[in-house]
Amino acid sequence: MTNVSDVLTPDETLPDEVDGHKRQWLQAFHPPVEQVSVPQVQDPANPQAIVADFIRQHSVSGQLVARSLFLLPPYSVPETDLSALLDALCLDANSTDITCVQGTEDAYFYSTQTMTANYANMCVQVVENDICLAIAEAVRFDCRTYPRPYKVAMLMQPPYSFESQQVTAALTAMEMHPDYADIRTVESSNAEPYLFSERFMSYGKAYGLCEWLEVEQYQNP
């Protein structure tokens, strides 16, 4: 049987107790052909607790867990069993931090202990490679919440880590798309580009704020 560690990325490892006997809940869906005598392990954890811990570990490293992951090898959990397991997880009083966010392509799980809803939504857009939507939602969130314009250079930082060419191409496409008609560009006097949403901010306010962020705050400490 393939180990859980075989599907982790190179810089990820699960603790021994997860990599070892705690993964036995998966074996219940695929009984071995040949019975082999093994020492009995006393483990109080139930399947939803195992999945919850798995999700929490990924959240700590800034990663979502896609629902479809459990349908693929080495897990290969049948659809009906997976639905029942995730339903039980959502009802488990010990897993109230486990939350689901629905993307266009899949449902994704994360722990609110270490990941905010806003960050999870950003990760969904990155995973599903919807760069235009990711940019628009980042800009709208900052303009609505703080409020402040969004520095274009931030799109090259995690969780996005877009290449500059990707950002340029996306902004060009957004100029022609009605869904992003509110997203506008503004530039400070030191030529640092920012973005803002006209739903939440005027051009004059956006310019004043980016000028303060880039220039004036350093002139008037």
Protein backbone atom coordinates (compact mmCIF):
# COMPACT_ATOMS: atom_id res chain seq x y z
CA MET A 1 0.00 0.00 0.00
CA THR A 2 1.29 3.45 -0.89
CA ASN A 3 2.21 5.56 2.14
CA VAL A 4 0.55 8.91 2.81
CA SER A 5 4.00 10.51 2.60
CA ASP A 6 4.24 9.50 -1.07
CA VAL A 7 1.73 12.19 -2.07
CA LEU A 8 3.17 15.02 -0.02
CA THR A 9 5.30 17.69 -1.59
CA PRO A 10 9.10 17.39 -0.99
CA ASP A 11 9.11 19.89 1.86
CA GLU A 12 6.14 18.29 3.61
CA THR A 13 6.25 15.43 6.04
CA LEU A 14 3.60 14.23 8.40
CA PRO A 15 4.34 13.30 11.99
CA ASP A 16 4.96 9.60 12.62
CA GLU A 17 1.63 9.12 14.29
CA VAL A 18 -0.18 10.42 11.19
CA ASP A 19 2.07 8.70 8.66
CA GLY A 20 1.80 5.42 10.55
CA HIS A 21 -1.10 3.93 12.36
CA LYS A 22 -3.43 6.93 12.03
CA ARG A 23 -3.81 6.33 8.32
CA GLN A 24 -5.44 2.96 8.99
CA TRP A 25 -8.88 4.50 8.51
CA LEU A 26 -8.17 4.55 4.78
CA GLN A 27 -7.55 0.81 4.78
CA ALA A 28 -11.14 0.23 5.83
CA PHE A 29 -12.23 1.21 2.33
CA HIS A 30 -9.75 -1.16 0.67
CA PRO A 31 -9.30 -4.38 2.70
CA PRO A 32 -6.02 -6.22 1.90
CA VAL A 33 -6.21 -9.33 -0.23
CA GLU A 34 -3.95 -11.28 2.11
CA GLN A 35 -4.48 -11.01 5.84
CA VAL A 36 -1.25 -10.37 7.69
CA SER A 37 -0.91 -10.56 11.44
CA VAL A 38 0.16 -7.19 12.80
CA PRO A 39 0.33 -5.82 16.33
CA GLN A 40 -2.93 -4.26 17.45
CA VAL A 41 -2.64 -0.51 17.90
CA GLN A 42 -4.86 1.24 20.38
CA ASP A 43 -5.80 4.48 18.70
CA PRO A 44 -8.72 6.54 20.00
CA ALA A 45 -8.80 8.78 16.93
CA ASN A 46 -11.75 8.46 14.54
CA PRO A 47 -11.69 9.05 10.76
CA GLN A 48 -12.99 12.63 10.92
CA ALA A 49 -10.36 13.48 13.55
CA ILE A 50 -7.65 12.15 11.24
CA VAL A 51 -8.95 14.21 8.32
CA ALA A 52 -9.28 17.29 10.51
CA ASP A 53 -5.64 16.97 11.61
CA PHE A 54 -4.59 16.48 7.99
CA ILE A 55 -6.39 19.69 7.00
CA ARG A 56 -4.89 21.60 9.94
CA GLN A 57 -1.36 20.57 8.95
CA HIS A 58 -1.90 21.89 5.44
CA SER A 59 -3.40 25.14 6.74
CA VAL A 60 -0.31 25.76 8.85
CA SER A 61 1.75 25.72 5.65
CA GLY A 62 -0.74 27.98 3.85
CA GLN A 63 -2.34 25.24 1.75
CA LEU A 64 -5.93 24.25 1.14
CA VAL A 65 -7.07 20.63 0.93
CA ALA A 66 -9.24 19.96 -2.11
CA ARG A 67 -12.13 17.56 -1.65
CA SER A 68 -11.11 15.68 -4.79
CA LEU A 69 -7.76 14.83 -3.19
CA PHE A 70 -9.40 12.07 -1.16
CA LEU A 71 -10.92 10.51 -4.29
CA LEU A 72 -7.47 10.04 -5.85
CA PRO A 73 -4.75 7.47 -5.10
CA PRO A 74 -3.37 6.61 -2.63
CA TYR A 75 -6.54 7.49 -0.69
CA SER A 76 -9.16 6.42 -3.29
CA VAL A 77 -12.05 6.87 -0.87
CA PRO A 78 -15.37 5.99 -2.57
CA GLU A 79 -17.62 8.98 -3.20
CA THR A 80 -20.42 7.82 -0.89
CA ASP A 81 -18.00 7.12 1.95
CA LEU A 82 -16.28 10.46 1.45
CA SER A 83 -19.57 12.37 1.55
CA ALA A 84 -20.52 10.64 4.79
CA LEU A 85 -17.07 11.29 6.27
CA LEU A 86 -17.09 15.00 5.43
CA ASP A 87 -20.66 15.38 6.69
CA ALA A 88 -19.60 13.81 9.99
CA LEU A 89 -16.56 16.08 10.08
CA CYS A 90 -18.74 19.18 9.77
CA LEU A 91 -20.92 17.97 12.66
CA ASP A 92 -17.99 17.01 14.90
CA ALA A 93 -17.83 19.31 17.93
CA ASN A 94 -14.06 18.84 18.03
CA SER A 95 -13.61 20.09 14.47
CA THR A 96 -15.45 23.40 14.52
CA ASP A 97 -12.37 25.11 13.10
CA ILE A 98 -12.58 23.10 9.86
CA THR A 99 -14.29 25.18 7.18
CA CYS A 100 -15.13 24.64 3.53
CA VAL A 101 -14.86 27.24 0.77
CA GLN A 102 -16.47 26.50 -2.59
CA GLY A 103 -14.47 27.25 -5.71
CA THR A 104 -15.48 26.97 -9.34
CA GLU A 105 -13.74 23.62 -9.83
CA ASP A 106 -13.80 22.02 -6.37
CA ALA A 107 -14.56 22.45 -2.67
CA TYR A 108 -11.60 23.25 -0.44
CA PHE A 109 -11.07 22.77 3.29
CA TYR A 110 -8.97 24.74 5.75
CA SER A 111 -8.63 25.42 9.47
CA THR A 112 -9.62 28.80 10.86
CA GLN A 113 -7.01 28.29 13.58
CA THR A 114 -4.25 29.29 11.17
CA MET A 115 -5.95 30.63 8.02
CA THR A 116 -8.40 33.48 7.52
CA ALA A 117 -11.37 33.32 5.17
CA ASN A 118 -9.86 36.04 3.00
CA TYR A 119 -6.56 34.17 2.65
CA ALA A 120 -8.42 30.94 1.86
CA ASN A 121 -10.38 32.69 -0.90
CA MET A 122 -7.12 34.04 -2.35
CA CYS A 123 -5.67 30.52 -2.33
CA VAL A 124 -8.71 29.17 -4.18
CA GLN A 125 -8.23 31.71 -6.96
CA VAL A 126 -4.55 30.80 -7.21
CA VAL A 127 -5.22 27.05 -7.23
CA GLU A 128 -7.86 27.46 -9.94
CA ASN A 129 -5.57 29.82 -11.86
CA ASP A 130 -8.16 32.60 -12.14
CA ILE A 131 -5.68 35.48 -12.16
CA CYS A 132 -8.12 38.19 -13.23
CA LEU A 133 -10.57 37.34 -10.47
CA ALA A 134 -7.74 37.04 -7.94
CA ILE A 135 -6.50 40.53 -8.77
CA ALA A 136 -9.97 42.07 -8.73
CA GLU A 137 -10.93 40.52 -5.40
CA ALA A 138 -7.62 41.53 -3.78
CA VAL A 139 -8.08 45.12 -4.92
CA ARG A 140 -11.73 45.29 -3.84
CA PHE A 141 -10.96 43.77 -0.45
CA ASP A 142 -8.25 46.33 0.35
CA CYS A 143 -10.30 49.28 -0.91
CA ARG A 144 -13.37 48.16 1.04
CA THR A 145 -11.66 47.04 4.25
CA TYR A 146 -8.83 49.43 5.10
CA PRO A 147 -9.46 51.47 2.80
CA ARG A 148 -6.37 51.77 0.60
CA PRO A 149 -5.32 51.13 -3.01
CA TYR A 150 -3.57 47.87 -3.78
CA LYS A 151 0.12 47.89 -4.67
CA VAL A 152 0.69 45.92 -7.90
CA ALA A 153 3.99 44.54 -6.57
CA MET A 154 2.04 42.64 -3.90
CA LEU A 155 0.76 40.30 -6.61
CA MET A 156 4.28 38.95 -6.96
CA GLN A 157 4.28 37.94 -3.28
CA PRO A 158 2.64 34.89 -1.60
CA PRO A 159 0.00 33.58 -1.77
CA TYR A 160 -0.15 34.75 -5.40
CA SER A 161 3.49 34.69 -6.51
CA PHE A 162 2.46 35.70 -10.03
CA GLU A 163 5.09 36.51 -12.62
CA SER A 164 5.16 40.13 -13.78
CA GLN A 165 4.20 39.02 -17.30
CA GLN A 166 1.14 37.24 -15.92
CA VAL A 167 0.05 40.35 -14.07
CA THR A 168 0.54 42.56 -17.14
CA ALA A 169 -1.44 40.17 -19.34
CA ALA A 170 -4.23 39.88 -16.76
CA LEU A 171 -4.56 43.65 -16.33
CA THR A 172 -4.74 44.06 -20.11
CA ALA A 173 -7.52 41.45 -20.30
CA MET A 174 -9.38 43.06 -17.40
CA GLU A 175 -9.53 46.40 -19.22
CA MET A 176 -11.78 44.79 -21.83
CA HIS A 177 -13.97 42.72 -19.48
CA PRO A 178 -17.18 44.24 -18.04
CA ASP A 179 -16.84 42.25 -14.79
CA TYR A 180 -13.73 44.24 -13.95
CA ALA A 181 -14.79 47.69 -15.14
CA ASP A 182 -14.38 49.06 -11.61
CA ILE A 183 -10.69 48.16 -11.40
CA ARG A 184 -8.54 51.18 -12.26
CA THR A 185 -4.84 52.00 -12.17
CA VAL A 186 -3.19 54.87 -10.32
CA GLU A 187 0.48 55.76 -9.95
CA SER A 188 2.35 57.67 -7.24
CA SER A 189 4.87 60.42 -8.09
CA ASN A 190 7.71 57.91 -7.76
CA ALA A 191 6.10 55.82 -10.54
CA GLU A 192 4.93 52.97 -8.28
CA PRO A 193 1.76 51.42 -9.77
CA TYR A 194 -1.33 50.74 -7.66
CA LEU A 195 -4.84 49.48 -8.35
CA PHE A 196 -8.16 50.59 -6.87
CA SER A 197 -11.85 49.84 -7.23
CA GLU A 198 -14.22 52.64 -8.17
CA ARG A 199 -16.91 50.81 -6.21
CA PHE A 200 -15.22 51.87 -2.99
CA MET A 201 -12.83 54.69 -3.80
CA SER A 202 -12.47 57.72 -6.10
CA TYR A 203 -9.41 58.32 -8.23
CA GLY A 204 -8.47 61.34 -6.13
CA LYS A 205 -8.59 59.39 -2.87
CA ALA A 206 -6.65 56.49 -4.39
CA TYR A 207 -3.95 58.85 -5.66
CA GLY A 208 -3.69 60.63 -2.32
CA LEU A 209 -3.33 57.36 -0.43
CA CYS A 210 -0.74 55.81 -2.72
CA GLU A 211 1.22 59.08 -2.68
CA TRP A 212 1.21 58.97 1.12
CA LEU A 213 2.23 55.30 1.19
CA GLU A 214 5.06 55.73 -1.29
CA VAL A 215 6.37 59.26 -0.70
CA GLU A 216 4.82 61.53 1.90
CA GLN A 217 5.06 59.29 4.95
CA TYR A 218 8.84 59.19 4.52
CA GLN A 219 9.05 62.96 4.14
CA ASN A 220 6.95 63.55 7.26
CA PRO A 221 7.90 60.88 9.80
